[in-house]
Amino acid sequence: MGSIYLIRHGQASFGAEDYDVLSSLGERQSILLGSHLAQTGLRLDRALSGSLIRQAHTARLVLEQLDKAPELHTCLLYTSPSPRD
């Protein structure tokens, strides 16, 4: 039976001019998660991310750590409003 892995984006840049980017900690979190998943021997058939920059960046950093990672696809089913709107 297959599995679905849901991963929340890494820490965003709270308080920055553009909140929709990963902080340096968020980048490290994403790389560490990808490294952990690679060590488990995880093989993915498909990879999807949300349309926010921090979501896609997290996904790319995780996938870069995996052997034979699939192409990342962006899912545009829902886009939340900006907290500044």
PDB file of N, CA and C in Angstrom:
ATOM      1  N   MET A   1       0.841  -1.178   0.000  1.00  0.00           N
ATOM      2  CA  MET A   1       0.000   0.000   0.000  1.00  0.00           C
ATOM      3  C   MET A   1       0.887   1.243   0.000  1.00  0.00           C
ATOM      4  N   GLY A   2       0.472   2.239  -0.721  1.00  0.00           N
ATOM      5  CA  GLY A   2       1.222   3.480  -0.820  1.00  0.00           C
ATOM      6  C   GLY A   2       1.085   4.343   0.423  1.00  0.00           C
ATOM      7  N   SER A   3       1.900   5.368   0.486  1.00  0.00           N
ATOM      8  CA  SER A   3       1.882   6.308   1.611  1.00  0.00           C
ATOM      9  C   SER A   3       1.841   7.725   1.079  1.00  0.00           C
ATOM     10  N   ILE A   4       1.263   8.597   1.882  1.00  0.00           N
ATOM     11  CA  ILE A   4       1.249  10.032   1.585  1.00  0.00           C
ATOM     12  C   ILE A   4       2.004  10.733   2.708  1.00  0.00           C
ATOM     13  N   TYR A   5       2.978  11.549   2.344  1.00  0.00           N
ATOM     14  CA  TYR A   5       3.753  12.312   3.310  1.00  0.00           C
ATOM     15  C   TYR A   5       3.352  13.773   3.196  1.00  0.00           C
ATOM     16  N   LEU A   6       2.889  14.340   4.281  1.00  0.00           N
ATOM     17  CA  LEU A   6       2.534  15.757   4.317  1.00  0.00           C
ATOM     18  C   LEU A   6       3.609  16.491   5.112  1.00  0.00           C
ATOM     19  N   ILE A   7       4.190  17.500   4.508  1.00  0.00           N
ATOM     20  CA  ILE A   7       5.268  18.253   5.134  1.00  0.00           C
ATOM     21  C   ILE A   7       4.883  19.723   5.154  1.00  0.00           C
ATOM     22  N   ARG A   8       4.911  20.303   6.323  1.00  0.00           N
ATOM     23  CA  ARG A   8       4.648  21.734   6.437  1.00  0.00           C
ATOM     24  C   ARG A   8       5.924  22.487   6.061  1.00  0.00           C
ATOM     25  N   HIS A   9       5.767  23.675   5.528  1.00  0.00           N
ATOM     26  CA  HIS A   9       6.933  24.470   5.130  1.00  0.00           C
ATOM     27  C   HIS A   9       7.811  24.782   6.330  1.00  0.00           C
ATOM     28  N   GLY A  10       9.080  25.062   6.056  1.00  0.00           N
ATOM     29  CA  GLY A  10      10.018  25.459   7.100  1.00  0.00           C
ATOM     30  C   GLY A  10       9.654  26.831   7.638  1.00  0.00           C
ATOM     31  N   GLN A  11      10.372  27.237   8.665  1.00  0.00           N
ATOM     32  CA  GLN A  11      10.088  28.521   9.306  1.00  0.00           C
ATOM     33  C   GLN A  11      10.202  29.664   8.304  1.00  0.00           C
ATOM     34  N   ALA A  12       9.162  30.488   8.290  1.00  0.00           N
ATOM     35  CA  ALA A  12       9.153  31.653   7.404  1.00  0.00           C
ATOM     36  C   ALA A  12       9.901  32.808   8.064  1.00  0.00           C
ATOM     37  N   SER A  13      10.081  33.872   7.321  1.00  0.00           N
ATOM     38  CA  SER A  13      10.830  35.041   7.795  1.00  0.00           C
ATOM     39  C   SER A  13       9.901  36.021   8.490  1.00  0.00           C
ATOM     40  N   PHE A  14       9.440  35.643   9.670  1.00  0.00           N
ATOM     41  CA  PHE A  14       8.543  36.497  10.442  1.00  0.00           C
ATOM     42  C   PHE A  14       9.181  37.858  10.696  1.00  0.00           C
ATOM     43  N   GLY A  15       8.416  38.896  10.461  1.00  0.00           N
ATOM     44  CA  GLY A  15       8.898  40.256  10.691  1.00  0.00           C
ATOM     45  C   GLY A  15       9.668  40.844   9.523  1.00  0.00           C
ATOM     46  N   ALA A  16       9.963  40.037   8.514  1.00  0.00           N
ATOM     47  CA  ALA A  16      10.683  40.548   7.341  1.00  0.00           C
ATOM     48  C   ALA A  16       9.711  41.275   6.421  1.00  0.00           C
ATOM     49  N   GLU A  17      10.250  42.048   5.511  1.00  0.00           N
ATOM     50  CA  GLU A  17       9.405  42.767   4.556  1.00  0.00           C
ATOM     51  C   GLU A  17       8.563  41.799   3.738  1.00  0.00           C
ATOM     52  N   ASP A  18       9.150  40.673   3.353  1.00  0.00           N
ATOM     53  CA  ASP A  18       8.414  39.645   2.620  1.00  0.00           C
ATOM     54  C   ASP A  18       8.374  38.393   3.485  1.00  0.00           C
ATOM     55  N   TYR A  19       7.232  38.139   4.095  1.00  0.00           N
ATOM     56  CA  TYR A  19       7.070  37.005   5.006  1.00  0.00           C
ATOM     57  C   TYR A  19       7.088  35.672   4.258  1.00  0.00           C
ATOM     58  N   ASP A  20       6.795  35.677   2.971  1.00  0.00           N
ATOM     59  CA  ASP A  20       6.653  34.430   2.219  1.00  0.00           C
ATOM     60  C   ASP A  20       7.989  33.889   1.713  1.00  0.00           C
ATOM     61  N   VAL A  21       9.010  33.943   2.536  1.00  0.00           N
ATOM     62  CA  VAL A  21      10.301  33.335   2.226  1.00  0.00           C
ATOM     63  C   VAL A  21      10.766  32.592   3.472  1.00  0.00           C
ATOM     64  N   LEU A  22      11.563  31.566   3.256  1.00  0.00           N
ATOM     65  CA  LEU A  22      12.096  30.824   4.393  1.00  0.00           C
ATOM     66  C   LEU A  22      13.190  31.625   5.081  1.00  0.00           C
ATOM     67  N   SER A  23      13.222  31.530   6.388  1.00  0.00           N
ATOM     68  CA  SER A  23      14.338  32.089   7.144  1.00  0.00           C
ATOM     69  C   SER A  23      15.514  31.133   6.973  1.00  0.00           C
ATOM     70  N   SER A  24      16.679  31.516   7.465  1.00  0.00           N
ATOM     71  CA  SER A  24      17.826  30.604   7.383  1.00  0.00           C
ATOM     72  C   SER A  24      17.546  29.342   8.195  1.00  0.00           C
ATOM     73  N   LEU A  25      16.824  29.478   9.303  1.00  0.00           N
ATOM     74  CA  LEU A  25      16.437  28.301  10.079  1.00  0.00           C
ATOM     75  C   LEU A  25      15.491  27.413   9.266  1.00  0.00           C
ATOM     76  N   GLY A  26      14.544  28.023   8.570  1.00  0.00           N
ATOM     77  CA  GLY A  26      13.615  27.262   7.732  1.00  0.00           C
ATOM     78  C   GLY A  26      14.329  26.496   6.627  1.00  0.00           C
ATOM     79  N   GLU A  27      15.365  27.102   6.064  1.00  0.00           N
ATOM     80  CA  GLU A  27      16.157  26.399   5.047  1.00  0.00           C
ATOM     81  C   GLU A  27      16.874  25.202   5.658  1.00  0.00           C
ATOM     82  N   ARG A  28      17.471  25.408   6.833  1.00  0.00           N
ATOM     83  CA  ARG A  28      18.173  24.301   7.513  1.00  0.00           C
ATOM     84  C   ARG A  28      17.198  23.189   7.885  1.00  0.00           C
ATOM     85  N   GLN A  29      15.997  23.570   8.364  1.00  0.00           N
ATOM     86  CA  GLN A  29      14.983  22.572   8.712  1.00  0.00           C
ATOM     87  C   GLN A  29      14.643  21.712   7.495  1.00  0.00           C
ATOM     88  N   SER A  30      14.482  22.342   6.350  1.00  0.00           N
ATOM     89  CA  SER A  30      14.106  21.632   5.130  1.00  0.00           C
ATOM     90  C   SER A  30      15.207  20.678   4.679  1.00  0.00           C
ATOM     91  N   ILE A  31      16.434  21.138   4.731  1.00  0.00           N
ATOM     92  CA  ILE A  31      17.573  20.303   4.338  1.00  0.00           C
ATOM     93  C   ILE A  31      17.718  19.118   5.295  1.00  0.00           C
ATOM     94  N   LEU A  32      17.582  19.376   6.591  1.00  0.00           N
ATOM     95  CA  LEU A  32      17.686  18.289   7.573  1.00  0.00           C
ATOM     96  C   LEU A  32      16.581  17.255   7.382  1.00  0.00           C
ATOM     97  N   LEU A  33      15.374  17.716   7.114  1.00  0.00           N
ATOM     98  CA  LEU A  33      14.286  16.775   6.873  1.00  0.00           C
ATOM     99  C   LEU A  33      14.565  15.933   5.635  1.00  0.00           C
ATOM    100  N   GLY A  34      15.010  16.577   4.565  1.00  0.00           N
ATOM    101  CA  GLY A  34      15.335  15.835   3.348  1.00  0.00           C
ATOM    102  C   GLY A  34      16.440  14.825   3.587  1.00  0.00           C
ATOM    103  N   SER A  35      17.446  15.203   4.349  1.00  0.00           N
ATOM    104  CA  SER A  35      18.541  14.281   4.675  1.00  0.00           C
ATOM    105  C   SER A  35      18.039  13.098   5.482  1.00  0.00           C
ATOM    106  N   HIS A  36      17.164  13.364   6.435  1.00  0.00           N
ATOM    107  CA  HIS A  36      16.584  12.279   7.233  1.00  0.00           C
ATOM    108  C   HIS A  36      15.785  11.319   6.352  1.00  0.00           C
ATOM    109  N   LEU A  37      14.950  11.884   5.494  1.00  0.00           N
ATOM    110  CA  LEU A  37      14.143  11.031   4.605  1.00  0.00           C
ATOM    111  C   LEU A  37      15.032  10.222   3.671  1.00  0.00           C
ATOM    112  N   ALA A  38      16.123  10.816   3.199  1.00  0.00           N
ATOM    113  CA  ALA A  38      17.061  10.094   2.332  1.00  0.00           C
ATOM    114  C   ALA A  38      17.692   8.926   3.089  1.00  0.00           C
ATOM    115  N   GLN A  39      18.035   9.133   4.350  1.00  0.00           N
ATOM    116  CA  GLN A  39      18.647   8.071   5.152  1.00  0.00           C
ATOM    117  C   GLN A  39      17.694   6.901   5.372  1.00  0.00           C
ATOM    118  N   THR A  40      16.393   7.166   5.343  1.00  0.00           N
ATOM    119  CA  THR A  40      15.417   6.085   5.507  1.00  0.00           C
ATOM    120  C   THR A  40      15.231   5.299   4.214  1.00  0.00           C
ATOM    121  N   GLY A  41      15.815   5.805   3.111  1.00  0.00           N
ATOM    122  CA  GLY A  41      15.673   5.142   1.820  1.00  0.00           C
ATOM    123  C   GLY A  41      14.381   5.474   1.109  1.00  0.00           C
ATOM    124  N   LEU A  42      13.731   6.539   1.531  1.00  0.00           N
ATOM    125  CA  LEU A  42      12.446   6.926   0.939  1.00  0.00           C
ATOM    126  C   LEU A  42      12.580   7.190  -0.550  1.00  0.00           C
ATOM    127  N   ARG A  43      11.658   6.659  -1.315  1.00  0.00           N
ATOM    128  CA  ARG A  43      11.561   6.921  -2.759  1.00  0.00           C
ATOM    129  C   ARG A  43      10.160   7.469  -3.027  1.00  0.00           C
ATOM    130  N   LEU A  44      10.102   8.631  -3.625  1.00  0.00           N
ATOM    131  CA  LEU A  44       8.814   9.259  -3.922  1.00  0.00           C
ATOM    132  C   LEU A  44       8.454   9.070  -5.390  1.00  0.00           C
ATOM    133  N   ASP A  45       7.173   8.840  -5.625  1.00  0.00           N
ATOM    134  CA  ASP A  45       6.675   8.748  -6.991  1.00  0.00           C
ATOM    135  C   ASP A  45       6.251  10.107  -7.526  1.00  0.00           C
ATOM    136  N   ARG A  46       5.814  10.982  -6.630  1.00  0.00           N
ATOM    137  CA  ARG A  46       5.293  12.291  -7.032  1.00  0.00           C
ATOM    138  C   ARG A  46       5.543  13.280  -5.909  1.00  0.00           C
ATOM    139  N   ALA A  47       5.747  14.538  -6.267  1.00  0.00           N
ATOM    140  CA  ALA A  47       5.935  15.592  -5.269  1.00  0.00           C
ATOM    141  C   ALA A  47       5.100  16.806  -5.666  1.00  0.00           C
ATOM    142  N   LEU A  48       4.300  17.264  -4.735  1.00  0.00           N
ATOM    143  CA  LEU A  48       3.436  18.428  -4.948  1.00  0.00           C
ATOM    144  C   LEU A  48       3.727  19.448  -3.866  1.00  0.00           C
ATOM    145  N   SER A  49       3.609  20.719  -4.206  1.00  0.00           N
ATOM    146  CA  SER A  49       3.714  21.762  -3.179  1.00  0.00           C
ATOM    147  C   SER A  49       2.617  22.788  -3.424  1.00  0.00           C
ATOM    148  N   GLY A  50       2.368  23.560  -2.388  1.00  0.00           N
ATOM    149  CA  GLY A  50       1.451  24.679  -2.525  1.00  0.00           C
ATOM    150  C   GLY A  50       2.099  25.771  -3.366  1.00  0.00           C
ATOM    151  N   SER A  51       1.344  26.803  -3.631  1.00  0.00           N
ATOM    152  CA  SER A  51       1.818  27.852  -4.536  1.00  0.00           C
ATOM    153  C   SER A  51       2.597  28.963  -3.838  1.00  0.00           C
ATOM    154  N   LEU A  52       2.651  28.962  -2.518  1.00  0.00           N
ATOM    155  CA  LEU A  52       3.414  29.990  -1.829  1.00  0.00           C
ATOM    156  C   LEU A  52       4.910  29.730  -2.008  1.00  0.00           C
ATOM    157  N   ILE A  53       5.683  30.796  -2.036  1.00  0.00           N
ATOM    158  CA  ILE A  53       7.131  30.683  -2.254  1.00  0.00           C
ATOM    159  C   ILE A  53       7.766  29.812  -1.182  1.00  0.00           C
ATOM    160  N   ARG A  54       7.389  30.015   0.080  1.00  0.00           N
ATOM    161  CA  ARG A  54       8.007  29.239   1.164  1.00  0.00           C
ATOM    162  C   ARG A  54       7.648  27.759   1.082  1.00  0.00           C
ATOM    163  N   GLN A  55       6.480  27.437   0.547  1.00  0.00           N
ATOM    164  CA  GLN A  55       6.088  26.035   0.385  1.00  0.00           C
ATOM    165  C   GLN A  55       6.931  25.362  -0.697  1.00  0.00           C
ATOM    166  N   ALA A  56       7.057  26.014  -1.830  1.00  0.00           N
ATOM    167  CA  ALA A  56       7.835  25.448  -2.934  1.00  0.00           C
ATOM    168  C   ALA A  56       9.323  25.368  -2.585  1.00  0.00           C
ATOM    169  N   HIS A  57       9.834  26.369  -1.891  1.00  0.00           N
ATOM    170  CA  HIS A  57      11.254  26.374  -1.508  1.00  0.00           C
ATOM    171  C   HIS A  57      11.538  25.210  -0.551  1.00  0.00           C
ATOM    172  N   THR A  58      10.659  25.007   0.420  1.00  0.00           N
ATOM    173  CA  THR A  58      10.800  23.868   1.332  1.00  0.00           C
ATOM    174  C   THR A  58      10.836  22.569   0.545  1.00  0.00           C
ATOM    175  N   ALA A  59       9.897  22.399  -0.347  1.00  0.00           N
ATOM    176  CA  ALA A  59       9.817  21.158  -1.134  1.00  0.00           C
ATOM    177  C   ALA A  59      11.086  20.946  -1.962  1.00  0.00           C
ATOM    178  N   ARG A  60      11.572  22.000  -2.609  1.00  0.00           N
ATOM    179  CA  ARG A  60      12.791  21.868  -3.425  1.00  0.00           C
ATOM    180  C   ARG A  60      13.989  21.460  -2.572  1.00  0.00           C
ATOM    181  N   LEU A  61      14.129  22.076  -1.400  1.00  0.00           N
ATOM    182  CA  LEU A  61      15.254  21.748  -0.526  1.00  0.00           C
ATOM    183  C   LEU A  61      15.172  20.305  -0.021  1.00  0.00           C
ATOM    184  N   VAL A  62      13.980  19.853   0.310  1.00  0.00           N
ATOM    185  CA  VAL A  62      13.805  18.463   0.734  1.00  0.00           C
ATOM    186  C   VAL A  62      14.152  17.529  -0.416  1.00  0.00           C
ATOM    187  N   LEU A  63      13.604  17.792  -1.584  1.00  0.00           N
ATOM    188  CA  LEU A  63      13.819  16.910  -2.742  1.00  0.00           C
ATOM    189  C   LEU A  63      15.281  16.854  -3.166  1.00  0.00           C
ATOM    190  N   GLU A  64      16.008  17.951  -3.008  1.00  0.00           N
ATOM    191  CA  GLU A  64      17.430  17.973  -3.383  1.00  0.00           C
ATOM    192  C   GLU A  64      18.256  16.972  -2.582  1.00  0.00           C
ATOM    193  N   GLN A  65      17.758  16.571  -1.431  1.00  0.00           N
ATOM    194  CA  GLN A  65      18.496  15.639  -0.582  1.00  0.00           C
ATOM    195  C   GLN A  65      18.230  14.179  -0.960  1.00  0.00           C
ATOM    196  N   LEU A  66      17.194  13.931  -1.746  1.00  0.00           N
ATOM    197  CA  LEU A  66      16.786  12.573  -2.079  1.00  0.00           C
ATOM    198  C   LEU A  66      17.435  12.082  -3.367  1.00  0.00           C
ATOM    199  N   ASP A  67      17.721  10.798  -3.408  1.00  0.00           N
ATOM    200  CA  ASP A  67      18.178  10.173  -4.650  1.00  0.00           C
ATOM    201  C   ASP A  67      16.974   9.976  -5.558  1.00  0.00           C
ATOM    202  N   LYS A  68      17.135  10.274  -6.818  1.00  0.00           N
ATOM    203  CA  LYS A  68      16.070  10.063  -7.806  1.00  0.00           C
ATOM    204  C   LYS A  68      14.751  10.720  -7.404  1.00  0.00           C
ATOM    205  N   ALA A  69      14.819  11.956  -6.990  1.00  0.00           N
ATOM    206  CA  ALA A  69      13.615  12.688  -6.593  1.00  0.00           C
ATOM    207  C   ALA A  69      12.768  13.005  -7.816  1.00  0.00           C
ATOM    208  N   PRO A  70      11.462  12.966  -7.658  1.00  0.00           N
ATOM    209  CA  PRO A  70      10.582  13.311  -8.784  1.00  0.00           C
ATOM    210  C   PRO A  70      10.572  14.820  -9.025  1.00  0.00           C
ATOM    211  N   GLU A  71      10.046  15.199 -10.162  1.00  0.00           N
ATOM    212  CA  GLU A  71       9.854  16.627 -10.476  1.00  0.00           C
ATOM    213  C   GLU A  71       8.814  17.201  -9.523  1.00  0.00           C
ATOM    214  N   LEU A  72       9.019  18.424  -9.090  1.00  0.00           N
ATOM    215  CA  LEU A  72       8.083  19.099  -8.196  1.00  0.00           C
ATOM    216  C   LEU A  72       6.985  19.764  -9.010  1.00  0.00           C
ATOM    217  N   HIS A  73       5.742  19.519  -8.626  1.00  0.00           N
ATOM    218  CA  HIS A  73       4.577  20.138  -9.255  1.00  0.00           C
ATOM    219  C   HIS A  73       3.902  21.059  -8.253  1.00  0.00           C
ATOM    220  N   THR A  74       3.441  22.207  -8.720  1.00  0.00           N
ATOM    221  CA  THR A  74       2.744  23.155  -7.863  1.00  0.00           C
ATOM    222  C   THR A  74       1.250  22.919  -7.952  1.00  0.00           C
ATOM    223  N   CYS A  75       0.624  22.854  -6.803  1.00  0.00           N
ATOM    224  CA  CYS A  75      -0.815  22.640  -6.706  1.00  0.00           C
ATOM    225  C   CYS A  75      -1.486  23.989  -6.475  1.00  0.00           C
ATOM    226  N   LEU A  76      -2.361  24.381  -7.355  1.00  0.00           N
ATOM    227  CA  LEU A  76      -3.009  25.692  -7.262  1.00  0.00           C
ATOM    228  C   LEU A  76      -4.460  25.592  -6.803  1.00  0.00           C
ATOM    229  N   LEU A  77      -4.782  24.600  -5.982  1.00  0.00           N
ATOM    230  CA  LEU A  77      -6.167  24.410  -5.562  1.00  0.00           C
ATOM    231  C   LEU A  77      -6.654  25.514  -4.637  1.00  0.00           C
ATOM    232  N   TYR A  78      -5.754  26.058  -3.814  1.00  0.00           N
ATOM    233  CA  TYR A  78      -6.149  27.085  -2.858  1.00  0.00           C
ATOM    234  C   TYR A  78      -4.991  28.031  -2.607  1.00  0.00           C
ATOM    235  N   THR A  79      -5.271  29.297  -2.656  1.00  0.00           N
ATOM    236  CA  THR A  79      -4.278  30.314  -2.316  1.00  0.00           C
ATOM    237  C   THR A  79      -4.889  31.184  -1.226  1.00  0.00           C
ATOM    238  N   SER A  80      -4.264  31.186  -0.066  1.00  0.00           N
ATOM    239  CA  SER A  80      -4.805  31.995   1.041  1.00  0.00           C
ATOM    240  C   SER A  80      -4.485  33.456   0.806  1.00  0.00           C
ATOM    241  N   PRO A  81      -5.314  34.342   1.322  1.00  0.00           N
ATOM    242  CA  PRO A  81      -5.031  35.775   1.178  1.00  0.00           C
ATOM    243  C   PRO A  81      -3.806  36.149   2.000  1.00  0.00           C
ATOM    244  N   SER A  82      -3.153  37.185   1.573  1.00  0.00           N
ATOM    245  CA  SER A  82      -1.997  37.694   2.301  1.00  0.00           C
ATOM    246  C   SER A  82      -2.466  38.212   3.662  1.00  0.00           C
ATOM    247  N   PRO A  83      -1.667  37.990   4.723  1.00  0.00           N
ATOM    248  CA  PRO A  83      -2.072  38.521   6.025  1.00  0.00           C
ATOM    249  C   PRO A  83      -2.153  40.048   6.046  1.00  0.00           C
ATOM    250  N   ARG A  84      -1.582  40.691   5.037  1.00  0.00           N
ATOM    251  CA  ARG A  84      -1.613  42.157   4.975  1.00  0.00           C
ATOM    252  C   ARG A  84      -2.813  42.676   4.194  1.00  0.00           C
ATOM    253  N   ASP A  85      -3.596  41.778   3.603  1.00  0.00           N
ATOM    254  CA  ASP A  85      -4.781  42.201   2.831  1.00  0.00           C
ATOM    255  C   ASP A  85      -5.942  42.557   3.744  1.00  0.00           C
TER     256      ASP A  85
END
